[in-house]
Amino acid sequence: GSIFVYVLGHKRDPVTVRYEGPAGWKVLNGAVTGIADGDPQPGPDYKFPNYDIMIDCPTEISNRFTLDSFQIGQTHYRIMIHTDGDNPEVHRRLVGDVEKIARATAAMWGEQPMKSYTFMMHYLAGRGGDGMEHLTSTHLSRPQTLDSLADTNRYLNALSSVAHEFFHTWSMKRLRGKELGPWDYSRENYTRTLWIGEGITNYYGVRNLLRSGVWSQERYLDRVASAVRQLQRSPGRHYMSAEESSLSAWLFDAVPLRQESPVRRTTISYYNKGELLGWLLDLDIRARTGGRKSLDDVMRLMWQRFWKAPRATYYLPGRGYTDADFLKAVNDVSGADYTDFFRHYVSGVDELPYDQILAKVGLRLTESDGRYQLALDDQSPHADLGRAWLEGK
């Protein structure tokens, strides 16, 4: 966005871009498919239906990356790895685990809306880290080399960003809040739905690590318990709701504080609280329906109602949703009314009802010296529900 400008009033017009580099260098982004077919330098011109789609295609032009691929149904996947010094063993493991994550995620949604998808992965020591979702790709960078990922714990932690950003292919990039595209790049775009788009994606990112077999049940339980710990040690949970945290993203996310302020003690992360809200909703829906339904069904219903809806703008098919739309989907799937739940825990700042909901599915949360542990209670009459959840069902 800082390189490619647009003419005001013409953002919806078709765009043609020519990518060029030194001899022998390759062009790679989510829109370029020629490399997968054996053509190292397809093009040189690439056409996009509008500016918003073009700017959503991060592009690498270099001679430094490797390229692996796999197929799931009709969708072709590529894994670009750019690193300082390769480690063949970690490389093979990474490619295999990325495929497992992709298969588990696609199976949960039941369909793949893209013909091709590219994981653009940078492992460069001391270069900073980030992850960003796109329609046909994700750009991931970590300040580590592949060789440093020979450490198992570090490696498994690194995969959480892969699973999170890939889940965004469905949730946030296509199934999206009504304010999220097409954007007005001249001003902030406020939304109350980031606790869904980012927070529930946080929940499913690690859940699909479990479902894929990449993470063990023990690691998954520890991860959920650590999310509880993060919120419970945040005094801001008494002052800021999940909706308010979403709406305030422009004011607090990675914003340097220029003066002394209590802001860090009066705010929360919509990633964190949204993840826990998704978790508790998932468990409660399972309890209310005897295990016949789950949050998976809510997400798939939202997909049908909003991504498959008539096109509302030039940007993409479908239309955006609101918090109220998500509440309705939860109600319709569960056969219950979650209005009070949303009032107390999404719009409000009441303490989350961990014990009340976990007891319904045979799970137990304990705390000692600020550390939380989550475990299945085999003696509970509802243990089968908790066991199915823990098995990724």
Protein backbone atom coordinates (compact mmCIF):
# COMPACT_ATOMS: atom_id res chain seq x y z
CA GLY A 1 0.00 0.00 0.00
CA SER A 2 2.96 2.35 0.47
CA ILE A 3 4.27 1.53 -3.03
CA PHE A 4 1.21 1.16 -5.25
CA VAL A 5 -0.97 4.27 -5.29
CA TYR A 6 -4.43 4.60 -6.81
CA VAL A 7 -6.46 7.38 -8.36
CA LEU A 8 -9.32 8.54 -6.16
CA GLY A 9 -12.63 7.31 -7.51
CA HIS A 10 -11.00 4.55 -9.57
CA LYS A 11 -10.16 1.92 -6.96
CA ARG A 12 -12.73 -0.43 -8.48
CA ASP A 13 -11.14 -0.30 -11.96
CA PRO A 14 -9.15 -3.28 -13.35
CA VAL A 15 -5.40 -3.14 -12.66
CA THR A 16 -2.43 -4.47 -14.62
CA VAL A 17 0.96 -4.83 -12.92
CA ARG A 18 4.29 -5.73 -14.47
CA TYR A 19 6.74 -7.34 -12.04
CA GLU A 20 10.37 -7.35 -13.17
CA GLY A 21 13.64 -8.36 -11.56
CA PRO A 22 17.24 -9.14 -12.46
CA ALA A 23 17.96 -12.04 -14.79
CA GLY A 24 17.36 -15.37 -13.10
CA TRP A 25 15.13 -13.95 -10.40
CA LYS A 26 11.61 -15.32 -9.98
CA VAL A 27 8.30 -13.62 -9.26
CA LEU A 28 5.99 -15.21 -6.72
CA ASN A 29 2.66 -14.17 -5.24
CA GLY A 30 -0.77 -15.68 -4.73
CA ALA A 31 -1.85 -14.60 -8.21
CA VAL A 32 1.09 -16.05 -10.16
CA THR A 33 0.52 -19.70 -11.08
CA GLY A 34 3.09 -20.22 -13.84
CA ILE A 35 5.92 -21.26 -11.53
CA ALA A 36 3.93 -24.26 -10.33
CA ASP A 37 3.62 -25.33 -13.95
CA GLY A 38 7.36 -25.21 -14.54
CA ASP A 39 7.58 -21.67 -15.95
CA PRO A 40 10.11 -19.77 -13.78
CA GLN A 41 9.17 -16.31 -15.04
CA PRO A 42 5.56 -16.13 -16.26
CA GLY A 43 4.14 -12.86 -17.35
CA PRO A 44 5.34 -10.19 -17.40
CA ASP A 45 1.89 -8.60 -16.92
CA TYR A 46 -0.63 -9.66 -14.29
CA LYS A 47 -4.22 -8.50 -14.29
CA PHE A 48 -6.40 -7.93 -11.24
CA PRO A 49 -10.13 -7.09 -11.16
CA ASN A 50 -9.60 -4.06 -8.90
CA TYR A 51 -7.08 -2.29 -6.72
CA ASP A 52 -8.24 -4.00 -3.53
CA ILE A 53 -7.48 -7.44 -4.96
CA MET A 54 -4.13 -6.35 -6.37
CA ILE A 55 -2.96 -4.81 -3.09
CA ASP A 56 -3.90 -8.07 -1.35
CA CYS A 57 -1.19 -9.97 -3.27
CA PRO A 58 2.19 -9.57 -1.52
CA THR A 59 4.90 -10.36 -4.06
CA GLU A 60 8.44 -11.63 -3.80
CA ILE A 61 10.97 -11.09 -6.58
CA SER A 62 14.21 -12.89 -5.73
CA ASN A 63 16.49 -15.84 -6.37
CA ARG A 64 16.52 -16.92 -2.74
CA PHE A 65 13.42 -19.04 -2.21
CA THR A 66 12.60 -22.72 -2.56
CA LEU A 67 9.21 -23.94 -3.70
CA ASP A 68 7.30 -27.08 -2.67
CA SER A 69 3.73 -27.99 -3.54
CA PHE A 70 0.82 -30.31 -2.76
CA GLN A 71 -2.79 -30.74 -3.86
CA ILE A 72 -6.03 -30.91 -1.85
CA GLY A 73 -8.98 -31.66 -4.09
CA GLN A 74 -9.00 -29.09 -6.89
CA THR A 75 -6.80 -26.60 -5.00
CA HIS A 76 -3.07 -26.37 -5.67
CA TYR A 77 -0.86 -25.28 -2.77
CA ARG A 78 2.66 -23.93 -2.85
CA ILE A 79 5.09 -23.39 0.03
CA MET A 80 7.74 -20.75 -0.56
CA ILE A 81 10.59 -20.80 1.98
CA HIS A 82 13.16 -18.02 2.08
CA THR A 83 15.80 -18.57 4.76
CA ASP A 84 19.42 -17.92 5.64
CA GLY A 85 20.82 -21.43 5.30
CA ASP A 86 18.45 -24.34 4.85
CA ASN A 87 18.03 -27.32 7.14
CA PRO A 88 16.78 -30.22 4.98
CA GLU A 89 15.26 -32.15 7.88
CA VAL A 90 13.33 -29.15 9.25
CA HIS A 91 12.40 -28.18 5.70
CA ARG A 92 10.80 -31.57 5.02
CA ARG A 93 9.02 -31.57 8.35
CA LEU A 94 7.70 -28.06 7.81
CA VAL A 95 6.32 -28.85 4.35
CA GLY A 96 4.62 -31.99 5.66
CA ASP A 97 3.08 -30.25 8.68
CA VAL A 98 1.83 -27.29 6.64
CA GLU A 99 -0.01 -29.77 4.42
CA LYS A 100 -1.54 -31.46 7.48
CA ILE A 101 -2.75 -28.10 8.79
CA ALA A 102 -4.22 -27.19 5.40
CA ARG A 103 -6.06 -30.51 5.17
CA ALA A 104 -7.53 -30.22 8.67
CA THR A 105 -8.69 -26.65 8.05
CA ALA A 106 -10.22 -27.40 4.65
CA ALA A 107 -12.02 -30.41 6.15
CA MET A 108 -13.54 -28.25 8.90
CA TRP A 109 -14.97 -25.76 6.39
CA GLY A 110 -16.02 -28.41 3.88
CA GLU A 111 -14.90 -26.46 0.82
CA GLN A 112 -11.96 -24.51 -0.60
CA PRO A 113 -12.91 -21.21 -2.24
CA MET A 114 -9.55 -20.70 -3.97
CA LYS A 115 -8.03 -22.48 -6.97
CA SER A 116 -4.51 -22.01 -5.65
CA TYR A 117 -2.88 -20.84 -2.44
CA THR A 118 0.69 -19.84 -1.56
CA PHE A 119 2.41 -19.92 1.83
CA MET A 120 5.14 -17.25 1.63
CA MET A 121 7.45 -18.06 4.55
CA HIS A 122 10.54 -16.12 5.63
CA TYR A 123 12.88 -17.43 8.31
CA LEU A 124 15.60 -14.79 8.59
CA ALA A 125 17.60 -14.21 11.76
CA GLY A 126 17.12 -10.81 13.33
CA ARG A 127 14.68 -9.50 10.69
CA GLY A 128 11.51 -9.18 12.79
CA GLY A 129 8.37 -11.30 12.75
CA ASP A 130 4.83 -10.96 11.48
CA GLY A 131 2.00 -12.81 9.81
CA MET A 132 -0.66 -11.47 7.48
CA GLU A 133 -3.62 -13.11 5.78
CA HIS A 134 -4.52 -12.64 2.13
CA LEU A 135 -7.13 -14.08 -0.24
CA THR A 136 -4.81 -16.53 -1.99
CA SER A 137 -1.70 -16.40 0.18
CA THR A 138 -0.24 -15.68 3.56
CA HIS A 139 2.99 -13.85 4.24
CA LEU A 140 4.79 -15.13 7.33
CA SER A 141 8.13 -13.98 8.72
CA ARG A 142 10.00 -15.04 11.84
CA PRO A 143 13.34 -13.81 13.20
CA GLN A 144 14.72 -17.36 13.13
CA THR A 145 16.49 -19.55 10.62
CA LEU A 146 15.18 -22.99 9.72
CA ASP A 147 18.18 -24.42 11.55
CA SER A 148 17.02 -22.78 14.80
CA LEU A 149 13.65 -24.50 14.36
CA ALA A 150 15.33 -27.84 14.97
CA ASP A 151 14.29 -27.11 18.56
CA THR A 152 10.94 -28.90 18.82
CA ASN A 153 9.22 -26.43 21.15
CA ARG A 154 10.26 -23.45 19.02
CA TYR A 155 9.18 -25.26 15.87
CA LEU A 156 5.72 -26.15 17.18
CA ASN A 157 5.17 -22.60 18.39
CA ALA A 158 6.10 -21.29 14.95
CA LEU A 159 3.35 -23.38 13.37
CA SER A 160 0.64 -21.57 15.34
CA SER A 161 0.99 -18.53 13.07
CA VAL A 162 0.74 -20.77 9.99
CA ALA A 163 -2.55 -22.27 11.21
CA HIS A 164 -3.93 -18.89 12.29
CA GLU A 165 -3.24 -17.09 9.02
CA PHE A 166 -4.49 -19.99 6.91
CA PHE A 167 -7.82 -20.07 8.77
CA HIS A 168 -8.19 -16.42 7.75
CA THR A 169 -8.53 -17.60 4.14
CA TRP A 170 -12.15 -18.30 5.06
CA SER A 171 -12.70 -16.12 8.15
CA MET A 172 -11.79 -12.41 7.71
CA LYS A 173 -10.77 -12.51 4.04
CA ARG A 174 -14.09 -13.86 2.74
CA LEU A 175 -16.41 -14.29 5.71
CA ARG A 176 -15.88 -10.79 7.07
CA GLY A 177 -17.29 -7.97 9.17
CA LYS A 178 -19.37 -5.54 7.15
CA GLU A 179 -16.71 -2.81 7.47
CA LEU A 180 -13.88 -4.99 6.20
CA GLY A 181 -13.71 -4.41 2.47
CA PRO A 182 -13.69 -2.61 0.24
CA TRP A 183 -11.67 -0.20 2.37
CA ASP A 184 -11.28 3.53 2.36
CA TYR A 185 -7.50 3.71 2.65
CA SER A 186 -7.66 7.40 3.51
CA ARG A 187 -9.09 6.80 6.99
CA GLU A 188 -9.48 4.26 9.76
CA ASN A 189 -12.03 1.47 9.24
CA TYR A 190 -13.63 0.73 12.62
CA THR A 191 -15.46 -2.52 13.40
CA ARG A 192 -16.83 -4.26 16.49
CA THR A 193 -16.25 -7.75 15.04
CA LEU A 194 -12.51 -8.35 15.47
CA TRP A 195 -13.19 -10.58 18.48
CA ILE A 196 -14.83 -12.89 15.92
CA GLY A 197 -12.54 -12.43 12.93
CA GLU A 198 -9.29 -12.51 14.91
CA GLY A 199 -10.24 -13.98 18.28
CA ILE A 200 -12.20 -16.97 17.04
CA THR A 201 -9.53 -17.44 14.37
CA ASN A 202 -7.05 -17.65 17.26
CA TYR A 203 -9.19 -20.42 18.73
CA TYR A 204 -9.37 -22.36 15.48
CA GLY A 205 -5.71 -21.84 14.63
CA VAL A 206 -4.55 -23.91 17.59
CA ARG A 207 -7.57 -26.21 17.33
CA ASN A 208 -6.56 -27.19 13.82
CA LEU A 209 -3.04 -27.87 15.06
CA LEU A 210 -4.68 -30.45 17.32
CA ARG A 211 -6.96 -31.79 14.60
CA SER A 212 -4.08 -32.16 12.18
CA GLY A 213 -2.07 -34.19 14.66
CA VAL A 214 0.74 -31.63 14.60
CA TRP A 215 0.10 -30.74 18.26
CA SER A 216 -0.54 -33.26 21.03
CA GLN A 217 -3.58 -33.09 23.30
CA GLU A 218 -1.33 -32.11 26.20
CA ARG A 219 0.15 -29.17 24.30
CA TYR A 220 -3.32 -28.08 23.22
CA LEU A 221 -4.68 -28.13 26.78
CA ASP A 222 -1.70 -26.09 27.95
CA ARG A 223 -2.32 -23.56 25.18
CA VAL A 224 -5.98 -23.08 26.11
CA ALA A 225 -5.05 -22.74 29.79
CA SER A 226 -2.42 -20.15 28.94
CA ALA A 227 -5.08 -18.10 27.12
CA VAL A 228 -7.15 -18.14 30.32
CA ARG A 229 -4.10 -17.00 32.27
CA GLN A 230 -3.48 -14.13 29.86
CA LEU A 231 -6.97 -12.73 30.31
CA GLN A 232 -7.22 -13.33 34.05
CA ARG A 233 -3.99 -11.49 34.73
CA SER A 234 -5.21 -8.50 32.67
CA PRO A 235 -6.95 -5.91 34.89
CA GLY A 236 -8.36 -4.35 31.75
CA ARG A 237 -10.90 -7.19 31.54
CA HIS A 238 -12.93 -5.30 34.18
CA TYR A 239 -13.08 -2.16 32.02
CA MET A 240 -13.02 -3.12 28.32
CA SER A 241 -15.39 -5.53 26.55
CA ALA A 242 -14.57 -7.70 23.56
CA GLU A 243 -16.59 -5.37 21.33
CA GLU A 244 -14.85 -2.29 22.70
CA SER A 245 -11.46 -3.89 22.21
CA SER A 246 -12.34 -4.57 18.57
CA LEU A 247 -13.55 -1.03 18.04
CA SER A 248 -10.44 0.44 19.69
CA ALA A 249 -7.90 -1.49 17.60
CA TRP A 250 -6.83 1.66 15.74
CA LEU A 251 -6.09 3.39 19.03
CA PHE A 252 -4.13 0.71 20.90
CA ASP A 253 -2.72 -1.97 18.57
CA ALA A 254 1.07 -1.48 18.41
CA VAL A 255 0.61 2.22 19.13
CA PRO A 256 3.60 3.76 20.98
CA LEU A 257 2.56 5.68 24.08
CA ARG A 258 3.88 9.24 24.04
CA GLN A 259 3.06 9.95 27.68
CA GLU A 260 2.39 8.14 30.94
CA SER A 261 -0.96 6.38 30.70
CA PRO A 262 -2.85 3.54 32.38
CA VAL A 263 -3.90 2.23 28.97
CA ARG A 264 -2.11 -1.12 29.35
CA ARG A 265 -4.03 -1.72 32.57
CA THR A 266 -7.44 -0.73 31.18
CA THR A 267 -7.47 -2.56 27.84
CA ILE A 268 -7.57 -6.17 26.66
CA SER A 269 -6.75 -8.05 23.47
CA TYR A 270 -9.61 -9.05 21.19
CA TYR A 271 -7.38 -11.91 20.04
CA ASN A 272 -7.25 -13.28 23.56
CA LYS A 273 -10.79 -12.67 24.81
CA GLY A 274 -12.27 -13.58 21.43
CA GLU A 275 -10.42 -16.90 21.54
CA LEU A 276 -11.86 -17.66 24.98
CA LEU A 277 -15.36 -16.61 23.94
CA GLY A 278 -15.12 -18.93 20.94
CA TRP A 279 -13.94 -21.76 23.19
CA LEU A 280 -16.76 -21.33 25.71
CA LEU A 281 -19.37 -20.98 22.98
CA ASP A 282 -18.08 -24.16 21.35
CA LEU A 283 -18.32 -26.10 24.62
CA ASP A 284 -21.72 -24.69 25.54
CA ILE A 285 -23.23 -25.46 22.13
CA ARG A 286 -21.93 -29.03 22.44
CA ALA A 287 -23.53 -29.31 25.88
CA ARG A 288 -26.89 -27.87 24.80
CA THR A 289 -27.12 -30.14 21.74
CA GLY A 290 -25.76 -33.32 23.30
CA GLY A 291 -22.68 -33.14 21.09
CA ARG A 292 -24.65 -32.98 17.84
CA LYS A 293 -23.58 -29.41 17.06
CA SER A 294 -20.55 -27.22 17.74
CA LEU A 295 -19.04 -23.87 16.86
CA ASP A 296 -17.95 -25.51 13.59
CA ASP A 297 -21.61 -25.51 12.55
CA VAL A 298 -21.94 -21.83 13.44
CA MET A 299 -18.96 -20.92 11.26
CA ARG A 300 -20.25 -22.97 8.34
CA LEU A 301 -23.71 -21.40 8.68
CA MET A 302 -22.15 -17.92 8.67
CA TRP A 303 -20.24 -18.93 5.52
CA GLN A 304 -23.45 -19.89 3.77
CA ARG A 305 -25.33 -16.79 4.89
CA PHE A 306 -22.68 -14.19 4.13
CA TRP A 307 -20.03 -15.45 1.72
CA LYS A 308 -22.66 -17.20 -0.40
CA ALA A 309 -24.99 -14.18 -0.25
CA PRO A 310 -25.55 -11.89 -3.25
CA ARG A 311 -22.61 -9.58 -3.92
CA ALA A 312 -22.95 -6.32 -1.99
CA THR A 313 -19.98 -4.42 -3.52
CA TYR A 314 -17.51 -4.63 -6.39
CA TYR A 315 -14.84 -6.04 -4.05
CA LEU A 316 -15.80 -9.67 -3.45
CA PRO A 317 -18.82 -11.98 -3.50
CA GLY A 318 -21.12 -11.95 -0.50
CA ARG A 319 -21.64 -9.33 2.18
CA GLY A 320 -20.30 -8.52 5.61
CA TYR A 321 -21.80 -9.44 9.00
CA THR A 322 -22.36 -7.76 12.36
CA ASP A 323 -22.17 -9.02 15.95
CA ALA A 324 -25.96 -9.41 15.84
CA ASP A 325 -25.66 -11.66 12.78
CA PHE A 326 -23.20 -13.88 14.62
CA LEU A 327 -25.51 -14.07 17.65
CA LYS A 328 -28.37 -15.17 15.40
CA ALA A 329 -26.23 -17.93 13.88
CA VAL A 330 -25.28 -19.18 17.36
CA ASN A 331 -28.96 -19.19 18.36
CA ASP A 332 -30.04 -20.99 15.20
CA VAL A 333 -27.41 -23.72 15.52
CA SER A 334 -27.86 -24.28 19.24
CA GLY A 335 -31.63 -23.91 19.42
CA ALA A 336 -31.08 -21.64 22.45
CA ASP A 337 -31.01 -17.90 23.09
CA TYR A 338 -27.51 -16.51 23.75
CA THR A 339 -28.63 -12.90 24.07
CA ASP A 340 -27.73 -12.78 27.77
CA PHE A 341 -24.38 -14.45 27.11
CA PHE A 342 -23.52 -11.78 24.54
CA ARG A 343 -24.77 -8.97 26.79
CA HIS A 344 -22.67 -10.12 29.76
CA TYR A 345 -19.49 -11.38 28.06
CA VAL A 346 -19.25 -9.84 24.57
CA SER A 347 -20.74 -6.38 25.12
CA GLY A 348 -20.19 -6.51 28.87
CA VAL A 349 -17.23 -7.11 31.17
CA ASP A 350 -18.55 -9.82 33.51
CA GLU A 351 -16.05 -12.52 34.41
CA LEU A 352 -16.24 -15.38 31.94
CA PRO A 353 -18.22 -18.39 33.26
CA TYR A 354 -15.42 -20.95 33.00
CA ASP A 355 -16.53 -23.35 35.72
CA GLN A 356 -20.20 -23.20 34.80
CA ILE A 357 -19.63 -24.14 31.17
CA LEU A 358 -16.72 -26.54 31.64
CA ALA A 359 -18.76 -28.59 34.11
CA LYS A 360 -21.30 -29.23 31.34
CA VAL A 361 -18.70 -31.06 29.22
CA GLY A 362 -16.60 -32.78 31.87
CA LEU A 363 -13.63 -30.43 31.82
CA ARG A 364 -11.94 -28.95 34.88
CA LEU A 365 -9.93 -25.74 35.16
CA THR A 366 -7.68 -25.26 38.19
CA GLU A 367 -5.40 -22.42 39.27
CA SER A 368 -2.35 -22.35 41.53
CA ASP A 369 -0.03 -19.36 41.96
CA GLY A 370 -1.34 -17.76 38.81
CA ARG A 371 -0.88 -20.87 36.68
CA TYR A 372 -3.92 -22.52 35.13
CA GLN A 373 -4.35 -26.15 34.19
CA LEU A 374 -7.09 -27.64 32.06
CA ALA A 375 -7.91 -31.34 32.20
CA LEU A 376 -10.62 -33.84 31.36
CA ASP A 377 -12.57 -35.04 34.42
CA ASP A 378 -13.10 -38.72 33.73
CA GLN A 379 -15.47 -38.97 36.70
CA SER A 380 -17.87 -36.42 35.25
CA PRO A 381 -21.14 -37.74 33.76
CA HIS A 382 -20.44 -35.39 30.84
CA ALA A 383 -16.89 -36.58 30.18
CA ASP A 384 -17.80 -37.96 26.75
CA LEU A 385 -18.51 -34.42 25.51
CA GLY A 386 -15.18 -33.14 26.79
CA ARG A 387 -13.36 -36.15 25.38
CA ALA A 388 -14.85 -35.60 21.93
CA TRP A 389 -13.78 -31.95 22.05
CA LEU A 390 -10.27 -32.93 23.13
CA GLU A 391 -10.07 -35.48 20.31
CA GLY A 392 -10.80 -32.70 17.83
CA LYS A 393 -14.28 -33.92 16.90
